[in-house]
């Protein structure tokens, strides 16, 4: 593991691989214009191509110099800032074009918007995640707009006010429990995350002696932006356009929650008593430093460091060896595919979770009883 000097980090060619996501936009346009087998290009180009590149390129254990100045990260920030206009333009064009395209059948239209959902979920929500952690109003607004385009605006509140505080504890809906399959995880998270987000904002307002109906409650903004997106979809594509918009939103949410599922699967922080837990450490998130998928996901897979230091921009996120953080055997594209087959996912991950428990918490010998005491829900 080596450190990339700040003088090298700030050079534009170091940021260039993270711009590969823009290549998915002309692929989506080609799919809509040609139809036929090309409607499968988006999932092939995102999941398939980057999984293949991971297999060829392997992992990248190099870490950027943490002393790199904020001003030197311009080319990295630029891709996250321009992404919403690019994605929004593509979505609007597809909503207008696809319902009117005589050469596209119903199945082709559905698959095109499945591909759009892959883009807005794999790239768009991921970029919104990076943007919502920043201080500038522009970046936070771009995060809100990206989330509104998939009707999942409450993710910002849930992520910042719940997930980062309670990750790897029963108080975090998004932390997947040991032995919990994705098909059980998804409906639970869809139900619990919006409630936990609402309750977190309600508690925040209460600490300021404000009612939940106060205009500063971000749920008002979330509702306005999402209603605006629905109206826009209806205006551009009619009822068919609205249905396709909803389908791409559902696909994007599915993509997000697949990632959420694998990021902390089976990991638990030690309970200290009185409702308190140990500080979040790199060992409480699964780490992956696979080269190509980290280009696609702007280092999201260096998730151990993101939770350890949430204010770090993505080019400065550090990777860890297995001495300090648990490691995923493959990048997110492969792991999320495996998560769709729970027996396969458990075969891959359960032995790793058990090894993690023995390594970091050897004094806890009965994890079933320990988890049941913390969380009455089935583990």
Foldseek 3Di string as FASTA:
>chain_A
DEEDELVVCLDLVVLVLLLCLLVLLVLLVVCQVPPDPSLPVLCCVQLVVLQVVLVVVPFDQYFYDPPNDPVSCVNNVVSLLCVLVSLVVSLLCLLQRNLVDPVYDPVSNLSSLLSSLCSLQLFVQLSLLLQLLDDDPSSPVSSQLSCLLLLRNLCSLLVPQFCLVAQQAPSRLLAAAALDALVNSVVSCVVVSSVSSLVSLQVVCVVVVHHSPDPVRCVVVSVVSNVVSLVSQCVNRNPVSSVSSNSSSVSSVLSNSLVSHQFQYNGHFDDPDPRDTDQQALARTAAERRPNSCSSSLQVRLVSQCSVPVNDRSSRRHHDDCVGYHYQPGDSSVLSVLSVVSVSNCVRPVVSSVVSCCVPPVVDPDVQVVNCVRPVDHD
